[in-house]
Amino acid sequence: MLLHLGCGAPPEAPPGPSTFVATVEDLAPFMRWTAFPLGELSAGGHPQGRQTVYVSRPRPPGAVAFPVGAMLVRTIEVGPSPRTWEVFAMAKRGGDYNQDGARGWEFFLLSLSDSGSVRIIARGQNPTSGHEDRYTLGENTTCNSCHGLEDARPYDSVLSLPLRPGR
């Protein structure tokens, strides 16, 4: 048995991961995450429909930003079947990703099957280009054109009111 005694502060905890790259397996269980029903609305170029935001892990108490690895999924029920819904996601990738937009966030367009299985349609800093037939956003609207605004930065680029700091 080795016993180490010494003076001074205990060693620092190892830092968390500096980057995270989400996979479909990471996003797939989103309907089991904490849900924030937003009601029936249309915002930011998104279509009218019942909307819910799901959060993989909450923002730590008192924190102004989500931790690297946090994921948010927004469903917009624009039809009776999950396969007709519009589904968007954000993953806190961290590092220097998307520095000119929603800093640290990667965006996703997802689709659901009737059974609820998830598929990634597109991903990146502005994944809407080329998918206008499937996803309804305003003309010349991209994820960063709202989430990347200077006004969104105090909220870690998260626009859903129940997920902002201090709520």
N, C-alpha and C. Protein backbone atom coordinates (compact mmCIF):
# COMPACT_ATOMS: atom_id res chain seq x y z
N MET A 1 0.84 -1.17 0.00
CA MET A 1 0.00 0.00 0.00
C MET A 1 0.89 1.23 0.00
N LEU A 2 0.61 2.12 -0.93
CA LEU A 2 1.39 3.34 -1.05
C LEU A 2 0.54 4.50 -0.56
N LEU A 3 1.09 5.26 0.33
CA LEU A 3 0.39 6.43 0.86
C LEU A 3 1.22 7.64 0.53
N HIS A 4 0.59 8.61 -0.11
CA HIS A 4 1.30 9.81 -0.50
C HIS A 4 0.72 10.99 0.26
N LEU A 5 1.55 11.61 1.08
CA LEU A 5 1.14 12.78 1.82
C LEU A 5 1.93 13.96 1.31
N GLY A 6 1.32 15.08 1.27
CA GLY A 6 2.05 16.26 0.80
C GLY A 6 1.27 17.51 1.08
N CYS A 7 1.92 18.59 0.88
CA CYS A 7 1.30 19.88 1.09
C CYS A 7 0.83 20.43 -0.25
N GLY A 8 0.02 21.44 -0.18
CA GLY A 8 -0.41 22.10 -1.40
C GLY A 8 -1.79 21.64 -1.82
N ALA A 9 -2.23 22.20 -2.90
CA ALA A 9 -3.57 21.92 -3.42
C ALA A 9 -3.62 20.55 -4.08
N PRO A 10 -4.78 19.91 -4.05
CA PRO A 10 -4.90 18.63 -4.73
C PRO A 10 -4.74 18.85 -6.24
N PRO A 11 -4.37 17.81 -6.97
CA PRO A 11 -4.21 17.99 -8.41
C PRO A 11 -5.54 18.40 -9.04
N GLU A 12 -5.45 19.21 -10.08
CA GLU A 12 -6.65 19.65 -10.77
C GLU A 12 -7.31 18.48 -11.48
N ALA A 13 -8.63 18.56 -11.57
CA ALA A 13 -9.35 17.54 -12.33
C ALA A 13 -8.97 17.67 -13.80
N PRO A 14 -8.91 16.56 -14.51
CA PRO A 14 -8.56 16.67 -15.93
C PRO A 14 -9.63 17.48 -16.65
N PRO A 15 -9.21 18.27 -17.65
CA PRO A 15 -10.19 19.09 -18.38
C PRO A 15 -11.15 18.21 -19.16
N GLY A 16 -12.34 18.76 -19.42
CA GLY A 16 -13.31 18.04 -20.25
C GLY A 16 -12.84 18.01 -21.68
N PRO A 17 -13.57 17.30 -22.51
CA PRO A 17 -13.14 17.23 -23.90
C PRO A 17 -13.22 18.62 -24.54
N SER A 18 -12.24 18.93 -25.41
CA SER A 18 -12.24 20.24 -26.03
C SER A 18 -13.09 20.27 -27.29
N THR A 19 -13.32 19.11 -27.89
CA THR A 19 -14.18 19.04 -29.07
C THR A 19 -15.04 17.79 -29.03
N PHE A 20 -16.16 17.85 -29.74
CA PHE A 20 -17.11 16.76 -29.80
C PHE A 20 -17.71 16.77 -31.20
N VAL A 21 -17.72 15.61 -31.84
CA VAL A 21 -18.34 15.48 -33.16
C VAL A 21 -19.49 14.49 -33.01
N ALA A 22 -20.71 15.01 -33.09
CA ALA A 22 -21.91 14.19 -32.88
C ALA A 22 -22.11 13.21 -34.03
N THR A 23 -22.65 12.05 -33.69
CA THR A 23 -23.00 11.03 -34.67
C THR A 23 -24.50 10.79 -34.61
N VAL A 24 -25.00 10.05 -35.56
CA VAL A 24 -26.43 9.71 -35.55
C VAL A 24 -26.77 8.92 -34.28
N GLU A 25 -25.83 8.11 -33.80
CA GLU A 25 -26.05 7.35 -32.56
C GLU A 25 -26.19 8.27 -31.36
N ASP A 26 -25.46 9.39 -31.37
CA ASP A 26 -25.59 10.36 -30.28
C ASP A 26 -26.95 11.05 -30.30
N LEU A 27 -27.44 11.35 -31.50
CA LEU A 27 -28.70 12.09 -31.66
C LEU A 27 -29.94 11.19 -31.58
N ALA A 28 -29.79 9.92 -31.88
CA ALA A 28 -30.94 9.01 -31.99
C ALA A 28 -31.85 8.97 -30.78
N PRO A 29 -31.36 9.00 -29.55
CA PRO A 29 -32.27 8.89 -28.41
C PRO A 29 -32.89 10.22 -27.96
N PHE A 30 -32.91 11.23 -28.82
CA PHE A 30 -33.30 12.56 -28.38
C PHE A 30 -34.68 12.62 -27.75
N MET A 31 -35.61 11.77 -28.16
CA MET A 31 -36.97 11.84 -27.58
C MET A 31 -37.02 11.38 -26.13
N ARG A 32 -35.91 10.84 -25.61
CA ARG A 32 -35.83 10.45 -24.20
C ARG A 32 -35.12 11.53 -23.36
N TRP A 33 -34.65 12.58 -24.01
CA TRP A 33 -33.99 13.66 -23.29
C TRP A 33 -35.04 14.57 -22.63
N THR A 34 -34.57 15.53 -21.85
CA THR A 34 -35.46 16.51 -21.24
C THR A 34 -36.14 17.32 -22.34
N ALA A 35 -37.46 17.39 -22.28
CA ALA A 35 -38.25 18.08 -23.32
C ALA A 35 -38.76 19.42 -22.80
N PHE A 36 -38.74 20.40 -23.69
CA PHE A 36 -39.29 21.73 -23.42
C PHE A 36 -40.32 22.03 -24.51
N PRO A 37 -41.61 21.76 -24.24
CA PRO A 37 -42.65 22.09 -25.22
C PRO A 37 -42.73 23.61 -25.41
N LEU A 38 -42.68 24.05 -26.66
CA LEU A 38 -42.73 25.47 -26.97
C LEU A 38 -44.10 25.91 -27.44
N GLY A 39 -44.98 24.95 -27.68
CA GLY A 39 -46.32 25.28 -28.16
C GLY A 39 -46.37 25.39 -29.67
N GLU A 40 -47.46 25.93 -30.13
CA GLU A 40 -47.71 26.11 -31.56
C GLU A 40 -47.16 27.48 -31.96
N LEU A 41 -46.13 27.50 -32.78
CA LEU A 41 -45.56 28.78 -33.16
C LEU A 41 -44.80 28.68 -34.47
N SER A 42 -44.39 29.81 -34.96
CA SER A 42 -43.52 29.92 -36.12
C SER A 42 -42.50 30.98 -35.78
N ALA A 43 -41.23 30.65 -35.86
CA ALA A 43 -40.19 31.61 -35.50
C ALA A 43 -38.95 31.39 -36.34
N GLY A 44 -38.24 32.46 -36.61
CA GLY A 44 -36.96 32.37 -37.29
C GLY A 44 -37.01 31.71 -38.65
N GLY A 45 -38.11 31.89 -39.39
CA GLY A 45 -38.21 31.28 -40.70
C GLY A 45 -38.69 29.85 -40.66
N HIS A 46 -38.88 29.29 -39.47
CA HIS A 46 -39.40 27.93 -39.35
C HIS A 46 -40.90 27.94 -39.60
N PRO A 47 -41.45 26.82 -40.04
CA PRO A 47 -42.89 26.78 -40.32
C PRO A 47 -43.73 26.74 -39.05
N GLN A 48 -44.99 27.01 -39.21
CA GLN A 48 -45.95 26.92 -38.12
C GLN A 48 -46.11 25.45 -37.74
N GLY A 49 -46.18 25.17 -36.47
CA GLY A 49 -46.40 23.81 -36.00
C GLY A 49 -46.07 23.69 -34.54
N ARG A 50 -46.56 22.62 -33.93
CA ARG A 50 -46.24 22.37 -32.51
C ARG A 50 -44.76 22.06 -32.42
N GLN A 51 -44.06 22.78 -31.55
CA GLN A 51 -42.61 22.65 -31.46
C GLN A 51 -42.18 22.22 -30.07
N THR A 52 -41.15 21.40 -30.06
CA THR A 52 -40.55 20.92 -28.82
C THR A 52 -39.05 20.95 -28.99
N VAL A 53 -38.33 21.37 -27.95
CA VAL A 53 -36.88 21.30 -27.94
C VAL A 53 -36.48 20.26 -26.90
N TYR A 54 -35.60 19.37 -27.30
CA TYR A 54 -35.07 18.31 -26.43
C TYR A 54 -33.60 18.63 -26.14
N VAL A 55 -33.18 18.44 -24.89
CA VAL A 55 -31.83 18.77 -24.47
C VAL A 55 -31.16 17.52 -23.91
N SER A 56 -29.98 17.19 -24.45
CA SER A 56 -29.27 15.99 -24.01
C SER A 56 -28.77 16.12 -22.58
N ARG A 57 -28.29 17.30 -22.24
CA ARG A 57 -27.86 17.56 -20.86
C ARG A 57 -28.04 19.05 -20.59
N PRO A 58 -28.50 19.37 -19.42
CA PRO A 58 -28.79 20.78 -19.12
C PRO A 58 -27.53 21.62 -19.02
N ARG A 59 -27.74 22.89 -19.15
CA ARG A 59 -26.66 23.85 -18.90
C ARG A 59 -26.37 23.77 -17.41
N PRO A 60 -25.10 23.70 -17.00
CA PRO A 60 -24.79 23.65 -15.57
C PRO A 60 -25.34 24.88 -14.85
N PRO A 61 -25.78 24.74 -13.60
CA PRO A 61 -26.31 25.88 -12.85
C PRO A 61 -25.33 27.04 -12.85
N GLY A 62 -25.82 28.22 -13.17
CA GLY A 62 -25.00 29.42 -13.18
C GLY A 62 -24.14 29.60 -14.42
N ALA A 63 -24.07 28.60 -15.27
CA ALA A 63 -23.25 28.70 -16.48
C ALA A 63 -23.96 29.52 -17.55
N VAL A 64 -23.19 30.23 -18.34
CA VAL A 64 -23.78 31.00 -19.43
C VAL A 64 -23.69 30.25 -20.76
N ALA A 65 -23.02 29.11 -20.75
CA ALA A 65 -22.87 28.33 -21.98
C ALA A 65 -23.11 26.85 -21.70
N PHE A 66 -23.55 26.16 -22.73
CA PHE A 66 -23.70 24.71 -22.63
C PHE A 66 -22.32 24.08 -22.72
N PRO A 67 -22.11 22.92 -22.08
CA PRO A 67 -20.82 22.26 -22.16
C PRO A 67 -20.61 21.62 -23.53
N VAL A 68 -19.36 21.46 -23.89
CA VAL A 68 -19.03 20.72 -25.11
C VAL A 68 -19.67 19.35 -25.00
N GLY A 69 -20.32 18.92 -26.06
CA GLY A 69 -21.00 17.63 -26.08
C GLY A 69 -22.50 17.73 -25.87
N ALA A 70 -22.98 18.91 -25.44
CA ALA A 70 -24.43 19.09 -25.28
C ALA A 70 -25.08 19.11 -26.66
N MET A 71 -26.30 18.56 -26.74
CA MET A 71 -27.04 18.53 -28.01
C MET A 71 -28.46 19.00 -27.75
N LEU A 72 -29.00 19.75 -28.70
CA LEU A 72 -30.39 20.21 -28.65
C LEU A 72 -31.05 19.80 -29.95
N VAL A 73 -32.26 19.28 -29.87
CA VAL A 73 -33.03 18.90 -31.06
C VAL A 73 -34.37 19.61 -30.99
N ARG A 74 -34.76 20.22 -32.10
CA ARG A 74 -36.04 20.92 -32.19
C ARG A 74 -36.91 20.21 -33.21
N THR A 75 -38.08 19.76 -32.78
CA THR A 75 -39.03 19.14 -33.70
C THR A 75 -40.15 20.13 -33.98
N ILE A 76 -40.57 20.15 -35.23
CA ILE A 76 -41.70 20.97 -35.64
C ILE A 76 -42.69 20.04 -36.32
N GLU A 77 -43.81 19.84 -35.68
CA GLU A 77 -44.81 18.90 -36.18
C GLU A 77 -45.64 19.58 -37.26
N VAL A 78 -45.21 19.41 -38.51
CA VAL A 78 -45.90 20.03 -39.64
C VAL A 78 -46.84 19.06 -40.34
N GLY A 79 -46.99 17.88 -39.77
CA GLY A 79 -47.91 16.88 -40.31
C GLY A 79 -48.19 15.84 -39.26
N PRO A 80 -49.05 14.88 -39.59
CA PRO A 80 -49.45 13.89 -38.59
C PRO A 80 -48.40 12.82 -38.29
N SER A 81 -47.46 12.62 -39.18
CA SER A 81 -46.48 11.55 -39.04
C SER A 81 -45.10 12.13 -38.75
N PRO A 82 -44.30 11.48 -37.88
CA PRO A 82 -42.94 11.96 -37.63
C PRO A 82 -42.12 12.13 -38.91
N ARG A 83 -42.39 11.36 -39.93
CA ARG A 83 -41.59 11.50 -41.16
C ARG A 83 -41.89 12.80 -41.90
N THR A 84 -42.99 13.49 -41.56
CA THR A 84 -43.30 14.78 -42.18
C THR A 84 -42.82 15.96 -41.34
N TRP A 85 -42.34 15.70 -40.13
CA TRP A 85 -41.88 16.78 -39.26
C TRP A 85 -40.58 17.37 -39.78
N GLU A 86 -40.34 18.61 -39.43
CA GLU A 86 -39.03 19.22 -39.66
C GLU A 86 -38.27 19.09 -38.36
N VAL A 87 -37.04 18.58 -38.45
CA VAL A 87 -36.25 18.30 -37.25
C VAL A 87 -34.87 18.92 -37.44
N PHE A 88 -34.50 19.78 -36.51
CA PHE A 88 -33.22 20.47 -36.54
C PHE A 88 -32.47 20.15 -35.26
N ALA A 89 -31.14 20.18 -35.32
CA ALA A 89 -30.35 19.91 -34.13
C ALA A 89 -29.14 20.84 -34.09
N MET A 90 -28.64 21.03 -32.88
CA MET A 90 -27.39 21.75 -32.62
C MET A 90 -26.58 20.87 -31.69
N ALA A 91 -25.29 20.73 -31.97
CA ALA A 91 -24.39 20.00 -31.08
C ALA A 91 -23.24 20.94 -30.73
N LYS A 92 -22.93 21.04 -29.44
CA LYS A 92 -21.84 21.90 -28.99
C LYS A 92 -20.54 21.17 -29.27
N ARG A 93 -19.97 21.51 -30.40
CA ARG A 93 -18.75 20.86 -30.88
C ARG A 93 -17.52 21.41 -30.16
N GLY A 94 -17.56 22.69 -29.81
CA GLY A 94 -16.45 23.29 -29.09
C GLY A 94 -15.29 23.66 -29.98
N GLY A 95 -14.13 23.81 -29.38
CA GLY A 95 -12.95 24.21 -30.12
C GLY A 95 -13.17 25.55 -30.81
N ASP A 96 -12.61 25.69 -32.00
CA ASP A 96 -12.79 26.94 -32.74
C ASP A 96 -13.80 26.77 -33.87
N TYR A 97 -14.69 25.78 -33.75
CA TYR A 97 -15.67 25.51 -34.79
C TYR A 97 -16.67 26.66 -34.90
N ASN A 98 -16.97 27.08 -36.10
CA ASN A 98 -18.02 28.07 -36.41
C ASN A 98 -17.77 29.40 -35.71
N GLN A 99 -16.54 29.87 -35.69
CA GLN A 99 -16.19 31.10 -34.98
C GLN A 99 -16.86 32.35 -35.54
N ASP A 100 -17.25 32.33 -36.81
CA ASP A 100 -17.91 33.50 -37.39
C ASP A 100 -19.43 33.44 -37.25
N GLY A 101 -19.94 32.40 -36.61
CA GLY A 101 -21.38 32.24 -36.44
C GLY A 101 -21.71 31.93 -35.00
N ALA A 102 -22.46 30.85 -34.80
CA ALA A 102 -22.81 30.39 -33.46
C ALA A 102 -21.59 29.64 -32.93
N ARG A 103 -20.77 30.33 -32.21
CA ARG A 103 -19.45 29.82 -31.82
C ARG A 103 -19.53 28.48 -31.10
N GLY A 104 -18.83 27.50 -31.69
CA GLY A 104 -18.75 26.17 -31.09
C GLY A 104 -19.88 25.24 -31.48
N TRP A 105 -20.91 25.73 -32.16
CA TRP A 105 -22.08 24.91 -32.47
C TRP A 105 -22.04 24.40 -33.91
N GLU A 106 -22.42 23.14 -34.08
CA GLU A 106 -22.65 22.56 -35.40
C GLU A 106 -24.15 22.31 -35.52
N PHE A 107 -24.69 22.54 -36.71
CA PHE A 107 -26.12 22.39 -36.97
C PHE A 107 -26.39 21.14 -37.80
N PHE A 108 -27.61 20.61 -37.63
CA PHE A 108 -28.01 19.39 -38.32
C PHE A 108 -29.43 19.52 -38.85
N LEU A 109 -29.68 18.91 -39.99
CA LEU A 109 -31.03 18.65 -40.48
C LEU A 109 -31.22 17.16 -40.30
N LEU A 110 -32.29 16.77 -39.62
CA LEU A 110 -32.56 15.37 -39.35
C LEU A 110 -33.88 14.97 -39.98
N SER A 111 -34.05 13.68 -40.19
CA SER A 111 -35.37 13.17 -40.57
C SER A 111 -35.69 12.00 -39.65
N LEU A 112 -37.00 11.78 -39.49
CA LEU A 112 -37.49 10.68 -38.65
C LEU A 112 -38.32 9.74 -39.52
N SER A 113 -38.25 8.47 -39.19
CA SER A 113 -39.15 7.51 -39.81
C SER A 113 -40.43 7.46 -38.97
N ASP A 114 -41.44 6.78 -39.45
CA ASP A 114 -42.66 6.64 -38.66
C ASP A 114 -42.40 5.96 -37.33
N SER A 115 -41.39 5.10 -37.28
CA SER A 115 -41.06 4.41 -36.04
C SER A 115 -40.16 5.25 -35.13
N GLY A 116 -39.71 6.43 -35.63
CA GLY A 116 -38.91 7.32 -34.81
C GLY A 116 -37.41 7.19 -35.01
N SER A 117 -36.95 6.35 -35.94
CA SER A 117 -35.51 6.26 -36.15
C SER A 117 -35.02 7.55 -36.81
N VAL A 118 -33.80 7.94 -36.46
CA VAL A 118 -33.23 9.22 -36.85
C VAL A 118 -32.22 9.02 -37.97
N ARG A 119 -32.22 9.99 -38.91
CA ARG A 119 -31.23 10.00 -39.98
C ARG A 119 -30.72 11.43 -40.11
N ILE A 120 -29.41 11.58 -40.30
CA ILE A 120 -28.82 12.90 -40.55
C ILE A 120 -28.91 13.17 -42.04
N ILE A 121 -29.60 14.25 -42.41
CA ILE A 121 -29.73 14.65 -43.81
C ILE A 121 -28.56 15.52 -44.21
N ALA A 122 -28.20 16.46 -43.35
CA ALA A 122 -27.09 17.38 -43.62
C ALA A 122 -26.57 17.90 -42.29
N ARG A 123 -25.34 18.40 -42.31
CA ARG A 123 -24.74 18.94 -41.10
C ARG A 123 -23.72 19.98 -41.47
N GLY A 124 -23.33 20.80 -40.50
CA GLY A 124 -22.30 21.81 -40.74
C GLY A 124 -22.69 23.14 -40.14
N GLN A 125 -22.05 24.20 -40.63
CA GLN A 125 -22.33 25.53 -40.12
C GLN A 125 -23.63 26.09 -40.69
N ASN A 126 -23.99 25.72 -41.88
CA ASN A 126 -25.23 26.16 -42.52
C ASN A 126 -25.73 25.05 -43.43
N PRO A 127 -26.26 23.97 -42.87
CA PRO A 127 -26.58 22.79 -43.66
C PRO A 127 -27.87 22.87 -44.49
N THR A 128 -28.54 24.00 -44.51
CA THR A 128 -29.83 24.08 -45.21
C THR A 128 -29.68 24.12 -46.72
N SER A 129 -28.57 24.59 -47.23
CA SER A 129 -28.40 24.74 -48.66
C SER A 129 -28.59 23.40 -49.38
N GLY A 130 -29.46 23.41 -50.39
CA GLY A 130 -29.72 22.20 -51.16
C GLY A 130 -30.83 21.34 -50.60
N HIS A 131 -31.42 21.75 -49.48
CA HIS A 131 -32.48 20.96 -48.86
C HIS A 131 -33.76 21.76 -48.68
N GLU A 132 -33.91 22.80 -49.49
CA GLU A 132 -35.06 23.68 -49.37
C GLU A 132 -36.37 22.95 -49.65
N ASP A 133 -36.31 21.86 -50.41
CA ASP A 133 -37.54 21.10 -50.70
C ASP A 133 -38.04 20.34 -49.47
N ARG A 134 -37.16 20.10 -48.51
CA ARG A 134 -37.52 19.31 -47.33
C ARG A 134 -37.70 20.17 -46.08
N TYR A 135 -37.00 21.29 -46.02
CA TYR A 135 -37.00 22.14 -44.83
C TYR A 135 -37.40 23.55 -45.20
N THR A 136 -38.36 24.09 -44.47
CA THR A 136 -38.93 25.40 -44.75
C THR A 136 -38.23 26.46 -43.93
N LEU A 137 -37.36 27.21 -44.55
CA LEU A 137 -36.75 28.36 -43.90
C LEU A 137 -37.01 29.56 -44.79
N GLY A 138 -36.96 30.73 -44.22
CA GLY A 138 -37.16 31.93 -45.02
C GLY A 138 -36.09 32.06 -46.09
N GLU A 139 -36.39 32.85 -47.10
CA GLU A 139 -35.44 33.05 -48.20
C GLU A 139 -34.14 33.60 -47.65
N ASN A 140 -33.01 33.04 -48.10
CA ASN A 140 -31.68 33.43 -47.66
C ASN A 140 -31.47 33.27 -46.15
N THR A 141 -32.24 32.40 -45.52
CA THR A 141 -32.10 32.15 -44.10
C THR A 141 -31.27 30.89 -43.89
N THR A 142 -30.29 30.98 -43.02
CA THR A 142 -29.48 29.83 -42.64
C THR A 142 -29.48 29.74 -41.12
N CYS A 143 -28.95 28.67 -40.60
CA CYS A 143 -28.90 28.52 -39.13
C CYS A 143 -28.14 29.69 -38.51
N ASN A 144 -26.99 30.02 -39.09
CA ASN A 144 -26.18 31.10 -38.52
C ASN A 144 -26.78 32.48 -38.71
N SER A 145 -27.71 32.64 -39.66
CA SER A 145 -28.28 33.98 -39.83
C SER A 145 -29.13 34.37 -38.63
N CYS A 146 -29.53 33.44 -37.79
CA CYS A 146 -30.22 33.76 -36.53
C CYS A 146 -29.34 33.40 -35.33
N HIS A 147 -28.89 32.16 -35.25
CA HIS A 147 -28.12 31.69 -34.10
C HIS A 147 -26.74 32.35 -34.01
N GLY A 148 -26.23 32.82 -35.15
CA GLY A 148 -24.90 33.43 -35.17
C GLY A 148 -24.89 34.93 -34.97
N LEU A 149 -26.05 35.54 -34.74
CA LEU A 149 -26.12 36.98 -34.54
C LEU A 149 -25.43 37.40 -33.24
N GLU A 150 -24.87 38.57 -33.26
CA GLU A 150 -24.23 39.11 -32.05
C GLU A 150 -25.22 39.14 -30.88
N ASP A 151 -26.49 39.43 -31.16
CA ASP A 151 -27.52 39.47 -30.11
C ASP A 151 -27.77 38.10 -29.47
N ALA A 152 -27.43 37.01 -30.17
CA ALA A 152 -27.65 35.65 -29.65
C ALA A 152 -26.47 35.18 -28.81
N ARG A 153 -25.33 35.81 -28.92
CA ARG A 153 -24.13 35.35 -28.22
C ARG A 153 -24.26 35.32 -26.70
N PRO A 154 -24.94 36.30 -26.06
CA PRO A 154 -25.09 36.20 -24.60
C PRO A 154 -25.87 34.97 -24.15
N TYR A 155 -26.59 34.35 -25.08
CA TYR A 155 -27.40 33.16 -24.77
C TYR A 155 -26.75 31.89 -25.33
N ASP A 156 -25.43 31.97 -25.62
CA ASP A 156 -24.71 30.84 -26.19
C ASP A 156 -25.35 30.42 -27.52
N SER A 157 -25.91 31.38 -28.23
CA SER A 157 -26.53 31.18 -29.55
C SER A 157 -27.77 30.29 -29.50
N VAL A 158 -28.31 30.06 -28.31
CA VAL A 158 -29.53 29.27 -28.15
C VAL A 158 -30.69 30.25 -28.06
N LEU A 159 -31.66 30.12 -28.96
CA LEU A 159 -32.72 31.10 -29.07
C LEU A 159 -34.00 30.72 -28.34
N SER A 160 -34.20 29.47 -27.99
CA SER A 160 -35.42 29.04 -27.30
C SER A 160 -35.41 29.60 -25.88
N LEU A 161 -36.41 30.41 -25.57
CA LEU A 161 -36.45 31.11 -24.28
C LEU A 161 -36.27 30.22 -23.06
N PRO A 162 -36.90 29.03 -22.98
CA PRO A 162 -36.73 28.23 -21.75
C PRO A 162 -35.31 27.71 -21.55
N LEU A 163 -34.45 27.83 -22.56
CA LEU A 163 -33.10 27.29 -22.44
C LEU A 163 -32.05 28.37 -22.22
N ARG A 164 -32.48 29.60 -22.11
CA ARG A 164 -31.52 30.69 -21.90
C ARG A 164 -31.04 30.70 -20.46
N PRO A 165 -29.82 31.23 -20.23
CA PRO A 165 -29.29 31.29 -18.85
C PRO A 165 -30.25 32.05 -17.94
N GLY A 166 -30.29 31.64 -16.69
CA GLY A 166 -31.10 32.29 -15.70
C GLY A 166 -32.55 31.87 -15.69
N ARG A 167 -32.89 30.89 -16.49
CA ARG A 167 -34.28 30.42 -16.53
C ARG A 167 -34.37 29.08 -15.87
